[in-house]
Amino acid sequence: MTHRLKSLVTGLAVAAGLGTLTGARAAPPVPAEMTVRLAGASSIGERLTRDAVAVWARKSGFPSLRTDTDIDPSKYEIVGQAAESARQLRVGVTSKGSNAGFEPLLRGQADLWMASQQVQQSDIDAMNGKGLKGVPTLAQMQTPGTENVIGLDALAIVSSPKNPVKRLTLAQIKDLFQGRITNWSAVGGANLPVKLYTMDSGAGYADVFCGQVIGIADVPACIASLARLAAPVFDASDDLTDQVAADPGSLSFVAFQDKRDARAMQIGTACGTALEPNSFLVQSNEYPLARRLYLYANPMKPLSQTARSYLDFVLSPEGQNAITMTGFATLTPSLSPEDYSSARLDAAAEAQDGGRTRVRVGDSRAFQEAVGGGDRLSITFRFQSGTSELDSRSIADLARLAAVVGAPANAGKQVVLIGFSSAIGDYARNRVLSADRAAGIRELLTTKYGVKDVVSVGVGPAAAVACNLDASAALNQRVEVWLRKRS
């Protein structure tokens, strides 16, 4: 093993050790009243949390539940009553949005911070700017166990199935919503005026649309920048999507799980390719309008027994099933669609940068040999920005992968780890890095998790999943997981 690979494996192993969220703990006395307080993103608090708490509460011995609402519509409390005693469970939720920051966490007013985007240095600076004491560093907040990815959310750009346009680039979507394109004929459609529809409040996902499509983080300012909307403005997503599906000139944005009979647009890239709006690409973190949902703990203060119990539940298979019922995508691994492997093989020689990068024949062949007869798993190992250290979701995915491989249905299957790079920079260096990253994960799986049959290969920029001409090129820095029958 090279010195570089040893360093990479050591770094991954240290990170993976920090990612253990469950395990044997001494059971302290059960309190008469169990409480947990959550604050932050409305997209988590108003929908996901209600259903997840209900399942967790009943599993924890509180079959009788009620929800007490506050005068402030962003606040509510779920109260559970034990069947065998006077014990109560109280879960207080304040959903004022991720942008409100994690001040309640630092002031001891919340046990967990709900966030629809990863914590940034600007969040740390904002807390320091308030003069708060004990503000953690960004590295501390992003430590596995403090930062917990609990699910996935995605936005769909929708129109009617009667509209012949099936693909739009992000630039076109922005121009359509801001009124620079007013007729579908300008994007290859019929000579028909564009009619824009939206929800009255943005329904908790306007921040994704505004930040990732319009490029304006301030949601009210973003909504004000949109072209005049078709009347009426809707307050129920079902009504909106039904109208969109019926109107050939319609265009709107909705939560991925709410699209109903409306057709979700493919998202075109600067390279002329397109990404299908499907759940597998959301899970593998390749669909461009997807986001991770987080629960953050305070790294300066241990979690209470009750808060730890809830967090462990949400991350467990049963908790992920509860999240699925809310319509969000979960972290539970899934296999690629039936035609996925052949489509990837067809594109194996493309670097997705307009032909500027010539992928070496050996790397294309190595990819084809690695995936032959196999299926891709949605688990995709990704790394902290600018480093070879796994991000917090990927650390947790190590254990999930080990569980998948150990399932009876996968007996006799081999794990194939394929490392990839972007096409930016020195080709040879990128290829070595892609191989080292895949080998480092193989070493962890075999030594820490006891997975027996694992092979790894690095293929550099071969078979890219994102365009190397735009910001999505970072998605090409990854290690994919494929399962195939042992030869």
Protein backbone atom coordinates (compact mmCIF):
# COMPACT_ATOMS: atom_id res chain seq x y z
CA MET A 1 0.00 0.00 0.00
CA THR A 2 1.43 3.40 -0.96
CA HIS A 3 2.05 6.07 1.67
CA ARG A 4 -0.64 8.20 0.03
CA LEU A 5 -3.18 5.38 0.20
CA LYS A 6 -2.24 4.62 3.82
CA SER A 7 -2.93 8.27 4.72
CA LEU A 8 -6.23 8.18 2.88
CA VAL A 9 -7.35 4.97 4.60
CA THR A 10 -6.30 6.32 8.00
CA GLY A 11 -8.26 9.52 7.45
CA LEU A 12 -11.35 7.62 6.32
CA ALA A 13 -11.08 5.22 9.26
CA VAL A 14 -10.89 8.05 11.78
CA ALA A 15 -13.93 9.69 10.21
CA ALA A 16 -15.83 6.42 10.08
CA GLY A 17 -15.16 5.82 13.76
CA LEU A 18 -16.75 9.14 14.56
CA GLY A 19 -19.82 8.21 12.55
CA THR A 20 -21.17 5.57 14.91
CA LEU A 21 -24.57 6.77 16.06
CA THR A 22 -25.90 3.71 17.79
CA GLY A 23 -24.48 1.09 20.10
CA ALA A 24 -24.62 -0.28 23.63
CA ARG A 25 -25.38 2.41 26.20
CA ALA A 26 -26.16 2.14 29.88
CA ALA A 27 -29.88 2.67 30.37
CA PRO A 28 -30.50 5.50 32.86
CA PRO A 29 -33.73 5.68 34.88
CA VAL A 30 -36.77 6.56 32.77
CA PRO A 31 -37.92 10.11 33.59
CA ALA A 32 -41.56 10.89 34.30
CA GLU A 33 -41.57 13.35 31.41
CA MET A 34 -39.46 12.90 28.28
CA THR A 35 -38.86 15.99 26.16
CA VAL A 36 -37.12 16.80 22.92
CA ARG A 37 -37.11 20.19 21.18
CA LEU A 38 -36.48 20.78 17.49
CA ALA A 39 -36.04 24.08 15.68
CA GLY A 40 -35.25 25.11 12.13
CA ALA A 41 -36.36 24.25 8.60
CA SER A 42 -40.08 24.33 7.90
CA SER A 43 -39.66 21.71 5.16
CA ILE A 44 -38.63 19.25 7.90
CA GLY A 45 -40.69 20.48 10.83
CA GLU A 46 -44.03 20.90 9.10
CA ARG A 47 -44.21 17.53 7.40
CA LEU A 48 -41.44 15.02 8.00
CA THR A 49 -41.19 15.59 11.76
CA ARG A 50 -44.91 15.15 12.48
CA ASP A 51 -45.08 11.70 10.93
CA ALA A 52 -41.67 10.51 12.13
CA VAL A 53 -42.41 11.57 15.72
CA ALA A 54 -45.76 9.77 15.64
CA VAL A 55 -44.13 6.45 14.67
CA TRP A 56 -41.26 6.92 17.16
CA ALA A 57 -43.60 7.87 20.00
CA ARG A 58 -45.78 4.80 19.57
CA LYS A 59 -42.71 2.59 19.28
CA SER A 60 -41.42 4.15 22.52
CA GLY A 61 -44.58 3.27 24.46
CA PHE A 62 -46.74 6.37 23.95
CA PRO A 63 -49.77 5.15 21.94
CA SER A 64 -51.98 8.14 22.76
CA LEU A 65 -50.91 11.30 20.91
CA ARG A 66 -52.24 14.81 20.52
CA THR A 67 -50.88 17.92 18.81
CA ASP A 68 -51.10 21.27 20.58
CA THR A 69 -50.77 24.27 18.28
CA ASP A 70 -49.46 27.69 19.22
CA ILE A 71 -50.73 31.14 18.33
CA ASP A 72 -47.54 31.33 16.30
CA PRO A 73 -48.29 29.03 13.30
CA SER A 74 -44.62 27.98 13.12
CA LYS A 75 -44.84 26.29 16.54
CA TYR A 76 -46.54 23.13 17.75
CA GLU A 77 -46.07 20.43 20.37
CA ILE A 78 -46.77 16.70 20.10
CA VAL A 79 -47.74 15.20 23.45
CA GLY A 80 -47.67 11.45 23.99
CA GLN A 81 -49.23 9.60 26.92
CA ALA A 82 -47.87 6.23 28.09
CA ALA A 83 -50.37 3.39 28.28
CA GLU A 84 -49.11 1.89 31.53
CA SER A 85 -48.32 4.98 33.59
CA ALA A 86 -48.56 8.74 33.88
CA ARG A 87 -45.37 9.20 31.87
CA GLN A 88 -45.54 11.79 29.10
CA LEU A 89 -43.51 12.55 25.98
CA ARG A 90 -43.34 16.12 24.75
CA VAL A 91 -41.84 17.06 21.38
CA GLY A 92 -41.72 20.80 20.77
CA VAL A 93 -41.20 21.96 17.17
CA THR A 94 -40.43 25.48 15.96
CA SER A 95 -40.24 25.75 12.17
CA LYS A 96 -39.00 29.21 11.31
CA GLY A 97 -36.70 28.05 8.49
CA SER A 98 -33.04 27.08 8.10
CA ASN A 99 -32.12 30.70 7.51
CA ALA A 100 -33.01 31.52 11.12
CA GLY A 101 -29.78 29.72 12.05
CA PHE A 102 -28.93 27.47 14.95
CA GLU A 103 -29.14 30.08 17.70
CA PRO A 104 -31.77 28.02 19.63
CA LEU A 105 -29.28 25.14 19.71
CA LEU A 106 -26.61 27.35 21.31
CA ARG A 107 -29.00 29.00 23.77
CA GLY A 108 -30.25 25.62 25.02
CA GLN A 109 -33.71 26.22 23.56
CA ALA A 110 -33.49 23.27 21.15
CA ASP A 111 -31.86 19.85 21.23
CA LEU A 112 -31.66 19.41 17.47
CA TRP A 113 -31.46 21.89 14.59
CA MET A 114 -33.45 20.98 11.48
CA ALA A 115 -31.66 22.24 8.36
CA SER A 116 -32.44 21.87 4.67
CA GLN A 117 -28.88 22.74 3.69
CA GLN A 118 -25.48 21.95 5.10
CA VAL A 119 -24.13 24.33 7.74
CA GLN A 120 -21.80 26.94 6.23
CA GLN A 121 -19.16 29.28 7.56
CA SER A 122 -21.68 32.11 7.15
CA ASP A 123 -23.89 30.36 9.75
CA ILE A 124 -20.95 30.25 12.18
CA ASP A 125 -20.14 33.90 11.50
CA ALA A 126 -23.77 34.89 12.11
CA MET A 127 -23.74 33.21 15.53
CA ASN A 128 -20.42 34.87 16.43
CA GLY A 129 -21.88 38.18 15.26
CA LYS A 130 -24.65 37.83 17.85
CA GLY A 131 -22.04 37.61 20.60
CA LEU A 132 -23.09 34.10 21.60
CA LYS A 133 -20.74 32.05 23.74
CA GLY A 134 -19.52 28.57 22.87
CA VAL A 135 -20.00 28.88 19.11
CA PRO A 136 -18.49 25.76 17.52
CA THR A 137 -16.24 25.84 14.49
CA LEU A 138 -17.46 24.75 11.07
CA ALA A 139 -15.37 21.57 11.36
CA GLN A 140 -17.03 20.74 14.69
CA MET A 141 -20.52 21.26 13.23
CA GLN A 142 -19.73 19.03 10.25
CA THR A 143 -18.42 16.18 12.41
CA PRO A 144 -20.38 12.93 11.89
CA GLY A 145 -22.75 12.46 14.81
CA THR A 146 -23.15 16.22 15.10
CA GLU A 147 -24.14 16.53 11.44
CA ASN A 148 -26.71 13.88 10.52
CA VAL A 149 -28.26 13.50 7.06
CA ILE A 150 -31.74 12.11 7.71
CA GLY A 151 -33.38 12.18 4.28
CA LEU A 152 -33.52 13.74 0.83
CA ASP A 153 -35.82 16.24 -0.80
CA ALA A 154 -36.11 17.29 -4.43
CA LEU A 155 -37.82 19.89 -6.55
CA ALA A 156 -39.54 19.12 -9.85
CA ILE A 157 -40.07 21.65 -12.64
CA VAL A 158 -43.44 20.58 -14.02
CA SER A 159 -45.67 21.19 -17.01
CA SER A 160 -48.51 19.37 -18.72
CA PRO A 161 -48.08 16.00 -20.47
CA LYS A 162 -49.71 17.82 -23.41
CA ASN A 163 -46.67 20.11 -23.66
CA PRO A 164 -44.17 18.67 -26.22
CA VAL A 165 -41.20 20.25 -24.42
CA LYS A 166 -39.59 17.57 -22.23
CA ARG A 167 -36.22 19.15 -21.40
CA LEU A 168 -35.15 22.54 -20.07
CA THR A 169 -31.78 23.82 -18.88
CA LEU A 170 -31.56 25.70 -15.60
CA ALA A 171 -30.84 28.89 -17.57
CA GLN A 172 -34.01 28.41 -19.62
CA ILE A 173 -36.06 27.73 -16.50
CA LYS A 174 -34.79 30.95 -14.93
CA ASP A 175 -35.60 32.95 -18.08
CA LEU A 176 -39.08 31.44 -18.26
CA PHE A 177 -39.94 32.28 -14.66
CA GLN A 178 -38.48 35.77 -14.82
CA GLY A 179 -40.36 36.62 -18.00
CA ARG A 180 -37.48 36.79 -20.49
CA ILE A 181 -39.04 33.86 -22.35
CA THR A 182 -42.81 34.21 -22.70
CA ASN A 183 -43.68 31.71 -25.43
CA TRP A 184 -43.00 27.98 -25.53
CA SER A 185 -41.86 28.24 -29.16
CA ALA A 186 -38.64 29.86 -27.93
CA VAL A 187 -37.60 26.57 -26.30
CA GLY A 188 -38.77 24.22 -29.04
CA GLY A 189 -42.44 24.01 -28.12
CA ALA A 190 -45.72 25.11 -29.63
CA ASN A 191 -46.63 28.71 -30.32
CA LEU A 192 -48.28 29.05 -26.93
CA PRO A 193 -47.90 31.63 -24.14
CA VAL A 194 -46.13 30.43 -21.00
CA LYS A 195 -48.44 30.42 -17.98
CA LEU A 196 -46.70 30.36 -14.62
CA TYR A 197 -48.31 28.83 -11.54
CA THR A 198 -47.07 28.80 -7.95
CA MET A 199 -48.16 28.18 -4.40
CA ASP A 200 -49.16 31.09 -2.21
CA SER A 201 -46.33 30.53 0.26
CA GLY A 202 -43.86 28.53 -1.80
CA ALA A 203 -44.85 25.56 0.38
CA GLY A 204 -41.49 25.19 2.09
CA TYR A 205 -39.47 24.43 -1.04
CA ALA A 206 -39.26 27.91 -2.58
CA ASP A 207 -35.80 28.19 -1.02
CA VAL A 208 -34.55 25.38 -3.28
CA PHE A 209 -36.11 26.98 -6.34
CA CYS A 210 -34.88 30.45 -5.49
CA GLY A 211 -31.37 29.41 -4.51
CA GLN A 212 -30.63 26.78 -7.15
CA VAL A 213 -32.66 28.06 -10.13
CA ILE A 214 -33.16 31.81 -9.77
CA GLY A 215 -29.96 32.45 -7.83
CA ILE A 216 -31.57 34.71 -5.21
CA ALA A 217 -31.32 33.32 -1.67
CA ASP A 218 -33.84 35.81 -0.24
CA VAL A 219 -37.13 34.03 -0.95
CA PRO A 220 -39.47 37.09 -0.84
CA ALA A 221 -37.12 39.00 -3.17
CA CYS A 222 -36.91 35.96 -5.43
CA ILE A 223 -40.68 35.53 -5.67
CA ALA A 224 -41.03 39.26 -6.36
CA SER A 225 -38.64 38.87 -9.31
CA LEU A 226 -40.86 36.33 -11.07
CA ALA A 227 -42.99 37.25 -14.05
CA ARG A 228 -46.69 37.86 -13.54
CA LEU A 229 -48.23 34.57 -12.48
CA ALA A 230 -51.27 32.89 -13.95
CA ALA A 231 -54.30 33.31 -11.70
CA PRO A 232 -55.16 31.97 -9.26
CA VAL A 233 -52.33 31.47 -6.78
CA PHE A 234 -52.85 28.10 -5.08
CA ASP A 235 -52.76 27.17 -1.42
CA ALA A 236 -52.94 23.38 -1.97
CA SER A 237 -50.34 21.50 -3.99
CA ASP A 238 -52.83 18.94 -5.32
CA ASP A 239 -54.96 21.70 -6.83
CA LEU A 240 -51.90 23.31 -8.40
CA THR A 241 -50.52 20.15 -10.00
CA ASP A 242 -53.95 19.13 -11.31
CA GLN A 243 -54.27 22.53 -13.03
CA VAL A 244 -50.71 22.32 -14.37
CA ALA A 245 -51.36 18.84 -15.78
CA ALA A 246 -54.47 20.10 -17.61
CA ASP A 247 -52.94 23.29 -19.08
CA PRO A 248 -50.55 22.79 -22.08
CA GLY A 249 -49.01 26.22 -21.49
CA SER A 250 -48.33 25.71 -17.79
CA LEU A 251 -45.07 25.80 -15.88
CA SER A 252 -44.54 25.47 -12.14
CA PHE A 253 -42.26 24.05 -9.47
CA VAL A 254 -43.40 21.56 -6.84
CA ALA A 255 -41.93 19.16 -4.35
CA PHE A 256 -40.81 16.00 -6.15
CA GLN A 257 -43.33 13.87 -4.29
CA ASP A 258 -46.23 16.21 -5.19
CA LYS A 259 -46.04 16.16 -9.00
CA ARG A 260 -49.02 13.76 -9.43
CA ASP A 261 -50.13 13.79 -13.11
CA ALA A 262 -47.99 16.76 -14.09
CA ARG A 263 -44.84 15.88 -16.06
CA ALA A 264 -41.48 16.64 -14.53
CA MET A 265 -39.00 18.20 -16.94
CA GLN A 266 -35.62 16.64 -17.66
CA ILE A 267 -32.87 19.06 -16.58
CA GLY A 268 -30.56 19.78 -19.50
CA THR A 269 -26.86 20.54 -19.09
CA ALA A 270 -24.35 22.75 -20.90
CA CYS A 271 -22.98 19.56 -22.50
CA GLY A 272 -26.26 18.75 -24.24
CA THR A 273 -27.11 15.85 -21.94
CA ALA A 274 -30.09 15.64 -19.61
CA LEU A 275 -30.81 14.28 -16.15
CA GLU A 276 -34.03 12.38 -15.63
CA PRO A 277 -36.15 13.41 -12.63
CA ASN A 278 -36.26 10.02 -10.91
CA SER A 279 -35.88 8.85 -7.34
CA PHE A 280 -32.66 6.89 -8.01
CA LEU A 281 -30.82 10.03 -9.19
CA VAL A 282 -32.15 11.85 -6.14
CA GLN A 283 -30.78 9.13 -3.85
CA SER A 284 -27.43 9.03 -5.62
CA ASN A 285 -27.17 12.83 -5.35
CA GLU A 286 -26.99 13.41 -9.12
CA TYR A 287 -30.32 15.09 -9.82
CA PRO A 288 -29.43 18.81 -9.72
CA LEU A 289 -32.52 20.05 -7.86
CA ALA A 290 -32.18 17.73 -4.88
CA ARG A 291 -30.99 18.51 -1.38
CA ARG A 292 -30.09 16.75 1.83
CA LEU A 293 -32.10 17.19 5.01
CA TYR A 294 -30.13 17.45 8.25
CA LEU A 295 -30.48 17.19 12.00
CA TYR A 296 -27.62 18.91 13.85
CA ALA A 297 -26.73 18.41 17.49
CA ASN A 298 -24.69 20.84 19.57
CA PRO A 299 -21.12 19.45 19.58
CA MET A 300 -20.41 21.36 22.80
CA LYS A 301 -23.18 19.62 24.74
CA PRO A 302 -24.19 15.92 24.94
CA LEU A 303 -27.65 15.01 23.71
CA SER A 304 -30.29 14.03 26.23
CA GLN A 305 -31.41 10.42 26.31
CA THR A 306 -34.71 11.35 24.67
CA ALA A 307 -33.15 13.43 21.89
CA ARG A 308 -30.63 10.66 21.22
CA SER A 309 -33.45 8.10 21.04
CA TYR A 310 -35.29 10.19 18.44
CA LEU A 311 -32.17 10.79 16.35
CA ASP A 312 -31.24 7.10 16.41
CA PHE A 313 -34.77 6.21 15.36
CA VAL A 314 -34.81 8.60 12.39
CA LEU A 315 -31.52 7.12 11.13
CA SER A 316 -32.67 3.52 11.63
CA PRO A 317 -34.32 1.43 8.88
CA GLU A 318 -37.69 1.80 10.64
CA GLY A 319 -37.23 5.57 10.84
CA GLN A 320 -36.29 5.74 7.17
CA ASN A 321 -39.47 3.83 6.34
CA ALA A 322 -41.43 6.46 8.26
CA ILE A 323 -39.74 9.18 6.20
CA THR A 324 -40.70 7.36 3.01
CA MET A 325 -44.35 7.59 4.07
CA THR A 326 -44.04 11.39 4.18
CA GLY A 327 -43.03 11.45 0.51
CA PHE A 328 -39.37 12.31 0.98
CA ALA A 329 -36.59 10.15 -0.44
CA THR A 330 -34.75 8.10 2.16
CA LEU A 331 -31.19 6.97 2.65
CA THR A 332 -32.20 3.31 2.39
CA PRO A 333 -30.11 1.92 -0.50
CA SER A 334 -31.89 1.01 -3.73
CA LEU A 335 -30.84 -0.56 -7.02
CA SER A 336 -30.69 1.34 -10.29
CA PRO A 337 -33.59 1.15 -12.78
CA GLU A 338 -33.62 -1.74 -15.23
CA ASP A 339 -32.15 0.18 -18.19
CA TYR A 340 -29.60 2.15 -16.15
CA SER A 341 -26.56 -0.07 -16.73
CA SER A 342 -26.93 -0.13 -20.52
CA ALA A 343 -27.39 3.65 -20.64
CA ARG A 344 -24.22 4.18 -18.60
CA LEU A 345 -22.27 1.79 -20.81
CA ASP A 346 -23.44 3.64 -23.92
CA ALA A 347 -22.02 6.85 -22.46
CA ALA A 348 -18.81 5.33 -21.04
CA ALA A 349 -16.53 7.10 -23.53
CA GLU A 350 -18.00 10.54 -22.89
CA ALA A 351 -16.45 13.05 -20.49
CA GLN A 352 -19.48 15.37 -20.80
CA ASP A 353 -17.41 18.42 -21.65
CA GLY A 354 -18.20 18.84 -25.33
CA GLY A 355 -15.45 16.43 -26.37
CA ARG A 356 -12.58 18.49 -24.95
CA THR A 357 -11.38 15.62 -22.77
CA ARG A 358 -10.41 12.41 -24.50
CA VAL A 359 -11.03 9.56 -22.09
CA ARG A 360 -8.33 6.96 -22.34
CA VAL A 361 -9.44 3.72 -23.94
CA GLY A 362 -8.13 1.71 -21.00
CA ASP A 363 -10.25 3.64 -18.53
CA SER A 364 -13.41 3.24 -20.62
CA ARG A 365 -12.69 -0.47 -20.95
CA ALA A 366 -12.02 -0.78 -17.20
CA PHE A 367 -15.40 0.80 -16.46
CA GLN A 368 -17.19 -1.52 -18.86
CA GLU A 369 -15.53 -4.57 -17.33
CA ALA A 370 -16.28 -3.41 -13.78
CA VAL A 371 -20.02 -2.96 -14.32
CA GLY A 372 -20.61 -5.87 -16.67
CA GLY A 373 -23.46 -8.00 -15.37
CA GLY A 374 -23.96 -5.71 -12.38
CA ASP A 375 -26.41 -3.21 -10.94
CA ARG A 376 -25.55 0.11 -9.38
CA LEU A 377 -26.52 0.80 -5.79
CA SER A 378 -27.76 4.28 -4.89
CA ILE A 379 -25.02 4.60 -2.26
CA THR A 380 -22.42 6.97 -3.71
CA PHE A 381 -19.43 7.91 -1.61
CA ARG A 382 -18.65 11.60 -1.74
CA PHE A 383 -16.05 13.71 -0.05
CA GLN A 384 -15.77 16.93 1.90
CA SER A 385 -15.02 19.86 -0.39
CA GLY A 386 -11.40 19.92 -1.52
CA THR A 387 -10.38 16.85 0.52
CA SER A 388 -10.33 13.05 0.39
CA GLU A 389 -12.31 12.77 3.64
CA LEU A 390 -15.75 11.24 3.38
CA ASP A 391 -18.67 13.54 4.12
CA SER A 392 -21.06 12.71 6.97
CA ARG A 393 -23.65 10.91 4.84
CA SER A 394 -20.98 8.73 3.23
CA ILE A 395 -19.59 7.73 6.62
CA ALA A 396 -23.04 6.52 7.68
CA ASP A 397 -23.41 4.80 4.29
CA LEU A 398 -20.49 2.48 5.08
CA ALA A 399 -22.64 0.66 7.64
CA ARG A 400 -25.65 0.73 5.32
CA LEU A 401 -23.60 -0.87 2.55
CA ALA A 402 -22.34 -3.59 4.90
CA ALA A 403 -25.95 -4.36 5.85
CA VAL A 404 -27.01 -4.58 2.19
CA VAL A 405 -24.16 -6.94 1.33
CA GLY A 406 -25.00 -9.11 4.34
CA ALA A 407 -28.65 -9.51 3.33
CA PRO A 408 -29.61 -13.04 2.13
CA ALA A 409 -30.81 -11.61 -1.20
CA ASN A 410 -27.26 -10.53 -2.00
CA ALA A 411 -25.48 -13.73 -1.03
CA GLY A 412 -22.94 -14.60 -3.71
CA LYS A 413 -22.60 -11.03 -4.95
CA GLN A 414 -19.39 -9.07 -5.22
CA VAL A 415 -19.04 -5.39 -4.28
CA VAL A 416 -17.36 -3.31 -6.99
CA LEU A 417 -16.15 0.15 -5.97
CA ILE A 418 -15.45 2.44 -8.92
CA GLY A 419 -13.62 5.71 -8.30
CA PHE A 420 -14.20 8.65 -10.63
CA SER A 421 -12.84 12.16 -11.03
CA SER A 422 -13.80 15.28 -12.91
CA ALA A 423 -12.08 16.11 -16.19
CA ILE A 424 -10.61 19.30 -14.76
CA GLY A 425 -6.85 19.29 -14.11
CA ASP A 426 -4.13 16.74 -14.84
CA TYR A 427 -5.58 13.51 -16.21
CA ALA A 428 -3.03 11.14 -14.67
CA ARG A 429 -3.27 12.75 -11.22
CA ASN A 430 -7.06 12.59 -11.31
CA ARG A 431 -6.97 8.93 -12.27
CA VAL A 432 -4.61 8.06 -9.39
CA LEU A 433 -6.81 9.96 -6.94
CA SER A 434 -9.92 8.13 -8.16
CA ALA A 435 -8.19 4.76 -7.66
CA ASP A 436 -6.87 5.73 -4.20
CA ARG A 437 -10.28 6.83 -2.98
CA ALA A 438 -11.93 3.60 -4.12
CA ALA A 439 -9.14 1.50 -2.57
CA GLY A 440 -9.42 3.40 0.72
CA ILE A 441 -13.12 2.61 0.98
CA ARG A 442 -12.44 -1.04 0.07
CA GLU A 443 -9.93 -1.21 2.92
CA LEU A 444 -12.49 0.15 5.38
CA LEU A 445 -15.24 -2.21 4.26
CA THR A 446 -13.02 -5.27 4.59
CA THR A 447 -11.25 -4.39 7.85
CA LYS A 448 -13.84 -2.42 9.84
CA TYR A 449 -17.07 -3.96 8.53
CA GLY A 450 -15.90 -7.45 7.57
CA VAL A 451 -17.21 -7.34 4.00
CA LYS A 452 -15.45 -10.24 2.27
CA ASP A 453 -15.56 -9.81 -1.49
CA VAL A 454 -14.75 -6.24 -2.50
CA VAL A 455 -12.80 -5.05 -5.53
CA SER A 456 -11.93 -1.49 -6.49
CA VAL A 457 -10.83 0.34 -9.60
CA GLY A 458 -10.20 3.97 -10.54
CA VAL A 459 -11.22 5.20 -14.00
CA GLY A 460 -10.65 8.97 -13.76
CA PRO A 461 -13.14 10.99 -15.85
CA ALA A 462 -14.68 7.98 -17.66
CA ALA A 463 -18.48 7.67 -17.66
CA ALA A 464 -19.14 11.06 -16.07
CA VAL A 465 -22.56 11.66 -14.52
CA ALA A 466 -22.40 15.46 -14.65
CA CYS A 467 -21.30 18.11 -17.11
CA ASN A 468 -17.66 19.13 -16.76
CA LEU A 469 -18.46 22.56 -18.23
CA ASP A 470 -20.49 23.88 -15.30
CA ALA A 471 -20.70 23.82 -11.51
CA SER A 472 -22.11 20.30 -11.50
CA ALA A 473 -18.64 18.95 -12.37
CA ALA A 474 -18.05 18.43 -8.64
CA LEU A 475 -20.55 15.53 -8.78
CA ASN A 476 -17.99 13.57 -10.82
CA GLN A 477 -15.70 13.33 -7.76
CA ARG A 478 -17.20 10.16 -6.33
CA VAL A 479 -16.96 6.42 -5.70
CA GLU A 480 -19.88 4.42 -7.03
CA VAL A 481 -21.02 1.05 -5.63
CA TRP A 482 -22.03 -1.77 -7.98
CA LEU A 483 -23.16 -5.28 -7.10
CA ARG A 484 -22.54 -8.19 -9.45
CA LYS A 485 -22.55 -11.97 -9.26
CA ARG A 486 -19.22 -13.52 -8.44
CA SER A 487 -17.53 -14.93 -11.51
